[in-house]
Protein backbone atom coordinates (compact mmCIF):
# COMPACT_ATOMS: atom_id res chain seq x y z
CA MET A 1 29.40 6.17 -227.12
CA LYS A 2 28.63 5.97 -223.42
CA GLY A 3 29.75 3.00 -221.31
CA SER A 4 27.46 0.05 -220.94
CA PRO A 5 25.19 0.13 -217.90
CA MET A 6 26.36 -1.77 -214.86
CA PRO A 7 24.53 -5.09 -214.52
CA SER A 8 22.27 -5.45 -211.52
CA VAL A 9 23.86 -7.08 -208.50
CA GLU A 10 22.24 -9.42 -206.00
CA TRP A 11 23.61 -8.70 -202.54
CA THR A 12 23.95 -11.04 -199.55
CA LEU A 13 24.65 -10.02 -195.99
CA LEU A 14 28.27 -10.71 -195.06
CA ASP A 15 28.81 -13.42 -192.47
CA HIS A 16 31.51 -11.89 -190.28
CA ALA A 17 31.63 -15.09 -188.20
CA ALA A 18 32.87 -17.04 -191.25
CA PRO A 19 36.62 -17.80 -191.32
CA ASN A 20 37.18 -15.60 -194.42
CA PRO A 21 34.15 -13.35 -194.92
CA VAL A 22 35.79 -11.58 -197.89
CA GLN A 23 38.53 -12.58 -200.31
CA ALA A 24 40.45 -10.91 -203.11
CA GLY A 25 38.19 -10.47 -206.13
CA ASP A 26 34.94 -10.15 -204.15
CA ILE A 27 32.59 -7.24 -204.82
CA VAL A 28 31.48 -5.66 -201.54
CA SER A 29 29.65 -2.67 -200.13
CA ALA A 30 29.38 -1.03 -196.71
CA GLU A 31 25.88 0.35 -197.23
CA ALA A 32 22.52 -1.18 -198.04
CA GLY A 33 21.68 -0.69 -201.69
CA GLY A 34 25.24 -1.38 -202.75
CA MET A 35 26.80 2.08 -202.76
CA PRO A 36 29.68 2.62 -202.85
CA ILE A 37 30.79 -0.59 -204.51
CA TYR A 38 34.32 -1.90 -204.01
CA ARG A 39 36.38 -4.76 -205.42
CA VAL A 40 38.54 -6.44 -202.79
CA LEU A 41 42.19 -6.29 -203.86
CA SER A 42 43.61 -8.05 -200.82
CA VAL A 43 42.90 -8.84 -197.19
CA ALA A 44 45.54 -8.64 -194.47
CA GLY A 45 44.23 -9.50 -191.03
CA GLU A 46 41.34 -7.17 -190.26
CA LEU A 47 41.99 -4.75 -193.15
CA ALA A 48 40.83 -4.98 -196.75
CA GLN A 49 42.50 -3.12 -199.61
CA LEU A 50 39.66 -1.95 -201.87
CA ALA A 51 39.27 -0.39 -205.30
CA SER A 52 36.27 1.89 -205.74
CA GLN A 53 34.42 1.19 -208.97
CA GLU A 54 32.73 4.61 -208.97
CA ARG A 55 35.73 6.82 -208.27
CA ALA A 56 38.62 4.80 -209.73
CA SER A 57 40.41 5.12 -206.39
CA ARG A 58 41.79 2.78 -203.76
CA CYS A 59 41.30 2.71 -200.02
CA GLU A 60 41.74 0.52 -196.97
CA LEU A 61 38.85 -0.32 -194.64
CA PRO A 62 38.36 -2.68 -191.72
CA VAL A 63 36.59 -5.84 -192.92
CA ARG A 64 34.02 -5.37 -190.11
CA THR A 65 32.74 -2.17 -191.79
CA LEU A 66 31.77 -4.07 -194.92
CA ARG A 67 28.17 -5.31 -194.74
CA TRP A 68 27.23 -6.67 -198.16
CA LYS A 69 28.81 -9.00 -200.69
CA ALA A 70 27.76 -9.61 -204.29
CA ALA A 71 26.20 -13.05 -204.58
CA SER A 72 28.10 -15.50 -206.77
CA ARG A 73 26.34 -16.66 -209.87
């Protein structure tokens, strides 16, 4: 049996002027259209530790490179 399809995500533009534009647990993307998609593991200063949902890998990116955040429901 194949995995269930990923539910659609509504994206909002990140407000980099906000005090904490991303937090641990957020779903974010650097590109329009939501690819690749990352879950924020932690934020330390200007860097976010991210887990890639597509590649099952982890990486670190500057928060300023992230453009989109999944809207809360």
